[in-house]
PDB file of N, CA and C in Angstrom:
ATOM      1  N   MET A   1      79.014-189.545 -63.040  1.00  0.00           N
ATOM      2  CA  MET A   1      77.763-189.929 -62.419  1.00  0.00           C
ATOM      3  C   MET A   1      76.777-190.340 -63.508  1.00  0.00           C
ATOM      4  N   GLY A   2      76.069-191.435 -63.284  1.00  0.00           N
ATOM      5  CA  GLY A   2      75.128-191.962 -64.269  1.00  0.00           C
ATOM      6  C   GLY A   2      73.898-191.094 -64.450  1.00  0.00           C
ATOM      7  N   ARG A   3      73.305-191.266 -65.583  1.00  0.00           N
ATOM      8  CA  ARG A   3      72.074-190.555 -65.900  1.00  0.00           C
ATOM      9  C   ARG A   3      70.937-191.136 -65.079  1.00  0.00           C
ATOM     10  N   ARG A   4      70.110-190.264 -64.522  1.00  0.00           N
ATOM     11  CA  ARG A   4      68.961-190.725 -63.744  1.00  0.00           C
ATOM     12  C   ARG A   4      67.893-191.251 -64.703  1.00  0.00           C
ATOM     13  N   ILE A   5      67.412-192.438 -64.439  1.00  0.00           N
ATOM     14  CA  ILE A   5      66.421-193.070 -65.300  1.00  0.00           C
ATOM     15  C   ILE A   5      65.025-192.780 -64.764  1.00  0.00           C
ATOM     16  N   SER A   6      64.163-192.313 -65.640  1.00  0.00           N
ATOM     17  CA  SER A   6      62.777-192.104 -65.269  1.00  0.00           C
ATOM     18  C   SER A   6      61.997-193.357 -65.662  1.00  0.00           C
ATOM     19  N   TRP A   7      61.866-194.279 -64.709  1.00  0.00           N
ATOM     20  CA  TRP A   7      61.165-195.528 -64.993  1.00  0.00           C
ATOM     21  C   TRP A   7      59.712-195.274 -65.346  1.00  0.00           C
ATOM     22  N   LYS A   8      59.098-194.307 -64.683  1.00  0.00           N
ATOM     23  CA  LYS A   8      57.701-194.002 -64.976  1.00  0.00           C
ATOM     24  C   LYS A   8      57.543-193.593 -66.437  1.00  0.00           C
ATOM     25  N   LYS A   9      58.431-192.746 -66.932  1.00  0.00           N
ATOM     26  CA  LYS A   9      58.368-192.305 -68.329  1.00  0.00           C
ATOM     27  C   LYS A   9      58.599-193.486 -69.283  1.00  0.00           C
ATOM     28  N   LYS A  10      59.546-194.349 -68.960  1.00  0.00           N
ATOM     29  CA  LYS A  10      59.805-195.510 -69.803  1.00  0.00           C
ATOM     30  C   LYS A  10      58.574-196.416 -69.861  1.00  0.00           C
ATOM     31  N   ILE A  11      57.959-196.627 -68.724  1.00  0.00           N
ATOM     32  CA  ILE A  11      56.771-197.476 -68.671  1.00  0.00           C
ATOM     33  C   ILE A  11      55.614-196.829 -69.418  1.00  0.00           C
ATOM     34  N   GLU A  12      55.483-195.523 -69.313  1.00  0.00           N
ATOM     35  CA  GLU A  12      54.427-194.821 -70.053  1.00  0.00           C
ATOM     36  C   GLU A  12      54.632-194.971 -71.562  1.00  0.00           C
ATOM     37  N   ARG A  13      55.879-194.851 -72.030  1.00  0.00           N
ATOM     38  CA  ARG A  13      56.162-195.020 -73.462  1.00  0.00           C
ATOM     39  C   ARG A  13      55.869-196.454 -73.913  1.00  0.00           C
ATOM     40  N   LEU A  14      56.264-197.412 -73.099  1.00  0.00           N
ATOM     41  CA  LEU A  14      55.996-198.812 -73.420  1.00  0.00           C
ATOM     42  C   LEU A  14      54.489-199.069 -73.465  1.00  0.00           C
ATOM     43  N   ALA A  15      53.758-198.515 -72.511  1.00  0.00           N
ATOM     44  CA  ALA A  15      52.298-198.673 -72.491  1.00  0.00           C
ATOM     45  C   ALA A  15      51.675-198.059 -73.739  1.00  0.00           C
ATOM     46  N   ASP A  16      52.176-196.903 -74.165  1.00  0.00           N
ATOM     47  CA  ASP A  16      51.681-196.277 -75.396  1.00  0.00           C
ATOM     48  C   ASP A  16      51.923-197.197 -76.596  1.00  0.00           C
ATOM     49  N   GLU A  17      53.116-197.778 -76.658  1.00  0.00           N
ATOM     50  CA  GLU A  17      53.455-198.660 -77.769  1.00  0.00           C
ATOM     51  C   GLU A  17      52.568-199.907 -77.765  1.00  0.00           C
ATOM     52  N   ILE A  18      52.411-200.518 -76.599  1.00  0.00           N
ATOM     53  CA  ILE A  18      51.575-201.722 -76.488  1.00  0.00           C
ATOM     54  C   ILE A  18      50.131-201.394 -76.832  1.00  0.00           C
ATOM     55  N   THR A  19      49.634-200.288 -76.322  1.00  0.00           N
ATOM     56  CA  THR A  19      48.261-199.885 -76.602  1.00  0.00           C
ATOM     57  C   THR A  19      48.053-199.689 -78.088  1.00  0.00           C
ATOM     58  N   GLY A  20      49.013-199.060 -78.746  1.00  0.00           N
ATOM     59  CA  GLY A  20      48.917-198.859 -80.190  1.00  0.00           C
ATOM     60  C   GLY A  20      48.917-200.165 -80.955  1.00  0.00           C
ATOM     61  N   ASP A  21      49.689-201.144 -80.477  1.00  0.00           N
ATOM     62  CA  ASP A  21      49.764-202.443 -81.146  1.00  0.00           C
ATOM     63  C   ASP A  21      48.529-203.299 -80.894  1.00  0.00           C
ATOM     64  N   CYS A  22      47.855-203.079 -79.776  1.00  0.00           N
ATOM     65  CA  CYS A  22      46.761-203.959 -79.354  1.00  0.00           C
ATOM     66  C   CYS A  22      45.370-203.400 -79.626  1.00  0.00           C
ATOM     67  N   VAL A  23      45.290-202.215 -80.165  1.00  0.00           N
ATOM     68  CA  VAL A  23      43.983-201.613 -80.399  1.00  0.00           C
ATOM     69  C   VAL A  23      43.212-202.446 -81.412  1.00  0.00           C
ATOM     70  N   ARG A  24      42.000-202.794 -81.047  1.00  0.00           N
ATOM     71  CA  ARG A  24      41.139-203.595 -81.922  1.00  0.00           C
ATOM     72  C   ARG A  24      40.196-202.718 -82.724  1.00  0.00           C
ATOM     73  N   GLY A  25      39.986-201.542 -82.273  1.00  0.00           N
ATOM     74  CA  GLY A  25      39.095-200.624 -82.966  1.00  0.00           C
ATOM     75  C   GLY A  25      38.638-199.551 -81.995  1.00  0.00           C
ATOM     76  N   PRO A  26      37.991-198.525 -82.519  1.00  0.00           N
ATOM     77  CA  PRO A  26      37.511-197.451 -81.645  1.00  0.00           C
ATOM     78  C   PRO A  26      36.570-197.995 -80.571  1.00  0.00           C
ATOM     79  N   GLY A  27      36.802-197.599 -79.348  1.00  0.00           N
ATOM     80  CA  GLY A  27      35.937-198.014 -78.250  1.00  0.00           C
ATOM     81  C   GLY A  27      36.121-199.448 -77.800  1.00  0.00           C
ATOM     82  N   GLU A  28      37.203-200.095 -78.243  1.00  0.00           N
ATOM     83  CA  GLU A  28      37.467-201.481 -77.858  1.00  0.00           C
ATOM     84  C   GLU A  28      38.817-201.606 -77.150  1.00  0.00           C
ATOM     85  N   PRO A  29      38.934-201.057 -75.975  1.00  0.00           N
ATOM     86  CA  PRO A  29      40.204-201.143 -75.253  1.00  0.00           C
ATOM     87  C   PRO A  29      40.445-202.562 -74.728  1.00  0.00           C
ATOM     88  N   LEU A  30      41.666-202.810 -74.312  1.00  0.00           N
ATOM     89  CA  LEU A  30      41.976-204.081 -73.661  1.00  0.00           C
ATOM     90  C   LEU A  30      41.152-204.184 -72.389  1.00  0.00           C
ATOM     91  N   ASP A  31      40.702-205.397 -72.076  1.00  0.00           N
ATOM     92  CA  ASP A  31      39.963-205.553 -70.828  1.00  0.00           C
ATOM     93  C   ASP A  31      40.941-205.861 -69.687  1.00  0.00           C
ATOM     94  N   GLY A  32      40.438-205.935 -68.496  1.00  0.00           N
ATOM     95  CA  GLY A  32      41.289-206.148 -67.319  1.00  0.00           C
ATOM     96  C   GLY A  32      42.085-207.431 -67.367  1.00  0.00           C
ATOM     97  N   ASP A  33      41.491-208.496 -67.902  1.00  0.00           N
ATOM     98  CA  ASP A  33      42.217-209.769 -68.011  1.00  0.00           C
ATOM     99  C   ASP A  33      43.392-209.641 -68.980  1.00  0.00           C
ATOM    100  N   GLU A  34      43.180-208.922 -70.060  1.00  0.00           N
ATOM    101  CA  GLU A  34      44.248-208.744 -71.043  1.00  0.00           C
ATOM    102  C   GLU A  34      45.385-207.891 -70.487  1.00  0.00           C
ATOM    103  N   THR A  35      45.053-206.839 -69.750  1.00  0.00           N
ATOM    104  CA  THR A  35      46.122-206.016 -69.178  1.00  0.00           C
ATOM    105  C   THR A  35      46.874-206.784 -68.097  1.00  0.00           C
ATOM    106  N   GLU A  36      46.159-207.619 -67.340  1.00  0.00           N
ATOM    107  CA  GLU A  36      46.847-208.435 -66.333  1.00  0.00           C
ATOM    108  C   GLU A  36      47.796-209.423 -67.004  1.00  0.00           C
ATOM    109  N   LYS A  37      47.371-210.018 -68.120  1.00  0.00           N
ATOM    110  CA  LYS A  37      48.227-210.964 -68.830  1.00  0.00           C
ATOM    111  C   LYS A  37      49.498-210.268 -69.328  1.00  0.00           C
ATOM    112  N   LEU A  38      49.342-209.077 -69.899  1.00  0.00           N
ATOM    113  CA  LEU A  38      50.517-208.326 -70.347  1.00  0.00           C
ATOM    114  C   LEU A  38      51.462-208.020 -69.190  1.00  0.00           C
ATOM    115  N   ALA A  39      50.910-207.631 -68.054  1.00  0.00           N
ATOM    116  CA  ALA A  39      51.734-207.326 -66.882  1.00  0.00           C
ATOM    117  C   ALA A  39      52.488-208.569 -66.415  1.00  0.00           C
ATOM    118  N   ARG A  40      51.817-209.703 -66.417  1.00  0.00           N
ATOM    119  CA  ARG A  40      52.468-210.943 -65.990  1.00  0.00           C
ATOM    120  C   ARG A  40      53.554-211.377 -66.983  1.00  0.00           C
ATOM    121  N   LEU A  41      53.315-211.170 -68.277  1.00  0.00           N
ATOM    122  CA  LEU A  41      54.356-211.473 -69.270  1.00  0.00           C
ATOM    123  C   LEU A  41      55.604-210.634 -69.013  1.00  0.00           C
ATOM    124  N   PHE A  42      55.394-209.362 -68.725  1.00  0.00           N
ATOM    125  CA  PHE A  42      56.504-208.458 -68.421  1.00  0.00           C
ATOM    126  C   PHE A  42      57.219-208.910 -67.144  1.00  0.00           C
ATOM    127  N   TRP A  43      56.457-209.280 -66.146  1.00  0.00           N
ATOM    128  CA  TRP A  43      56.990-209.747 -64.867  1.00  0.00           C
ATOM    129  C   TRP A  43      57.870-210.976 -65.087  1.00  0.00           C
ATOM    130  N   ILE A  44      57.370-211.940 -65.864  1.00  0.00           N
ATOM    131  CA  ILE A  44      58.151-213.151 -66.151  1.00  0.00           C
ATOM    132  C   ILE A  44      59.466-212.786 -66.836  1.00  0.00           C
ATOM    133  N   GLU A  45      59.400-211.927 -67.832  1.00  0.00           N
ATOM    134  CA  GLU A  45      60.607-211.543 -68.574  1.00  0.00           C
ATOM    135  C   GLU A  45      61.624-210.849 -67.669  1.00  0.00           C
ATOM    136  N   LEU A  46      61.146-209.935 -66.835  1.00  0.00           N
ATOM    137  CA  LEU A  46      62.068-209.253 -65.912  1.00  0.00           C
ATOM    138  C   LEU A  46      62.691-210.236 -64.924  1.00  0.00           C
ATOM    139  N   ASP A  47      61.871-211.112 -64.345  1.00  0.00           N
ATOM    140  CA  ASP A  47      62.401-212.097 -63.398  1.00  0.00           C
ATOM    141  C   ASP A  47      63.444-212.990 -64.057  1.00  0.00           C
ATOM    142  N   LEU A  48      63.179-213.409 -65.286  1.00  0.00           N
ATOM    143  CA  LEU A  48      64.126-214.263 -65.994  1.00  0.00           C
ATOM    144  C   LEU A  48      65.440-213.520 -66.242  1.00  0.00           C
ATOM    145  N   ARG A  49      65.355-212.307 -66.735  1.00  0.00           N
ATOM    146  CA  ARG A  49      66.562-211.525 -67.041  1.00  0.00           C
ATOM    147  C   ARG A  49      67.367-211.185 -65.799  1.00  0.00           C
ATOM    148  N   GLN A  50      66.699-211.047 -64.660  1.00  0.00           N
ATOM    149  CA  GLN A  50      67.399-210.694 -63.426  1.00  0.00           C
ATOM    150  C   GLN A  50      67.858-211.927 -62.644  1.00  0.00           C
ATOM    151  N   GLY A  51      67.585-213.100 -63.173  1.00  0.00           N
ATOM    152  CA  GLY A  51      68.035-214.327 -62.524  1.00  0.00           C
ATOM    153  C   GLY A  51      67.165-214.757 -61.358  1.00  0.00           C
ATOM    154  N   ASN A  52      65.966-214.212 -61.280  1.00  0.00           N
ATOM    155  CA  ASN A  52      65.061-214.565 -60.180  1.00  0.00           C
ATOM    156  C   ASN A  52      64.313-215.866 -60.440  1.00  0.00           C
ATOM    157  N   ILE A  53      64.226-216.263 -61.706  1.00  0.00           N
ATOM    158  CA  ILE A  53      63.640-217.546 -62.080  1.00  0.00           C
ATOM    159  C   ILE A  53      64.516-218.167 -63.164  1.00  0.00           C
ATOM    160  N   THR A  54      64.388-219.482 -63.315  1.00  0.00           N
ATOM    161  CA  THR A  54      65.147-220.200 -64.336  1.00  0.00           C
ATOM    162  C   THR A  54      64.358-220.225 -65.647  1.00  0.00           C
ATOM    163  N   GLU A  55      65.011-220.681 -66.711  1.00  0.00           N
ATOM    164  CA  GLU A  55      64.322-220.854 -67.996  1.00  0.00           C
ATOM    165  C   GLU A  55      63.134-221.802 -67.833  1.00  0.00           C
ATOM    166  N   GLU A  56      63.356-222.873 -67.076  1.00  0.00           N
ATOM    167  CA  GLU A  56      62.285-223.855 -66.864  1.00  0.00           C
ATOM    168  C   GLU A  56      61.103-223.216 -66.130  1.00  0.00           C
ATOM    169  N   GLU A  57      61.385-222.441 -65.091  1.00  0.00           N
ATOM    170  CA  GLU A  57      60.307-221.753 -64.370  1.00  0.00           C
ATOM    171  C   GLU A  57      59.584-220.761 -65.282  1.00  0.00           C
ATOM    172  N   SER A  58      60.337-220.100 -66.138  1.00  0.00           N
ATOM    173  CA  SER A  58      59.739-219.169 -67.089  1.00  0.00           C
ATOM    174  C   SER A  58      58.770-219.901 -68.010  1.00  0.00           C
ATOM    175  N   ARG A  59      59.208-221.029 -68.564  1.00  0.00           N
ATOM    176  CA  ARG A  59      58.345-221.808 -69.454  1.00  0.00           C
ATOM    177  C   ARG A  59      57.094-222.294 -68.721  1.00  0.00           C
ATOM    178  N   GLU A  60      57.259-222.731 -67.476  1.00  0.00           N
ATOM    179  CA  GLU A  60      56.115-223.195 -66.681  1.00  0.00           C
ATOM    180  C   GLU A  60      55.108-222.060 -66.480  1.00  0.00           C
ATOM    181  N   ARG A  61      55.602-220.889 -66.118  1.00  0.00           N
ATOM    182  CA  ARG A  61      54.714-219.742 -65.887  1.00  0.00           C
ATOM    183  C   ARG A  61      54.026-219.307 -67.169  1.00  0.00           C
ATOM    184  N   LEU A  62      54.767-219.309 -68.272  1.00  0.00           N
ATOM    185  CA  LEU A  62      54.167-218.941 -69.557  1.00  0.00           C
ATOM    186  C   LEU A  62      53.078-219.941 -69.943  1.00  0.00           C
ATOM    187  N   GLY A  63      53.324-221.222 -69.686  1.00  0.00           N
ATOM    188  CA  GLY A  63      52.318-222.249 -69.969  1.00  0.00           C
ATOM    189  C   GLY A  63      51.061-222.048 -69.149  1.00  0.00           C
ATOM    190  N   LEU A  64      51.239-221.759 -67.874  1.00  0.00           N
ATOM    191  CA  LEU A  64      50.076-221.495 -67.006  1.00  0.00           C
ATOM    192  C   LEU A  64      49.304-220.285 -67.515  1.00  0.00           C
ATOM    193  N   LEU A  65      50.033-219.244 -67.855  1.00  0.00           N
ATOM    194  CA  LEU A  65      49.409-218.015 -68.322  1.00  0.00           C
ATOM    195  C   LEU A  65      48.616-218.243 -69.605  1.00  0.00           C
ATOM    196  N   GLU A  66      49.172-219.028 -70.517  1.00  0.00           N
ATOM    197  CA  GLU A  66      48.472-219.322 -71.770  1.00  0.00           C
ATOM    198  C   GLU A  66      47.186-220.120 -71.526  1.00  0.00           C
ATOM    199  N   ASN A  67      47.153-220.872 -70.440  1.00  0.00           N
ATOM    200  CA  ASN A  67      45.956-221.652 -70.087  1.00  0.00           C
ATOM    201  C   ASN A  67      44.995-220.867 -69.201  1.00  0.00           C
ATOM    202  N   GLY A  68      45.272-219.584 -69.018  1.00  0.00           N
ATOM    203  CA  GLY A  68      44.384-218.746 -68.214  1.00  0.00           C
ATOM    204  C   GLY A  68      44.566-218.907 -66.722  1.00  0.00           C
ATOM    205  N   GLU A  69      45.676-219.507 -66.319  1.00  0.00           N
ATOM    206  CA  GLU A  69      45.961-219.719 -64.902  1.00  0.00           C
ATOM    207  C   GLU A  69      47.050-218.752 -64.447  1.00  0.00           C
ATOM    208  N   VAL A  70      47.168-218.579 -63.149  1.00  0.00           N
ATOM    209  CA  VAL A  70      48.240-217.765 -62.600  1.00  0.00           C
ATOM    210  C   VAL A  70      49.070-218.621 -61.651  1.00  0.00           C
ATOM    211  N   TRP A  71      50.290-218.203 -61.420  1.00  0.00           N
ATOM    212  CA  TRP A  71      51.164-218.973 -60.541  1.00  0.00           C
ATOM    213  C   TRP A  71      51.160-218.393 -59.152  1.00  0.00           C
TER     214      TRP A  71
END
């Protein structure tokens, strides 16, 4: 029987790592737009890896995201 995966714990560890990498200084947390962008980047990567979108769709979404747009 496979090991039960705690997705919440994995996401918490990833959030800790991202937060540590993105800290700009004391009292300067990421703002809501920045956290939304990170979430969308993760969403695109998961969709691509799971075959829910193509490479071309991934590039299109990344381009929109870089221009401050959402799909």
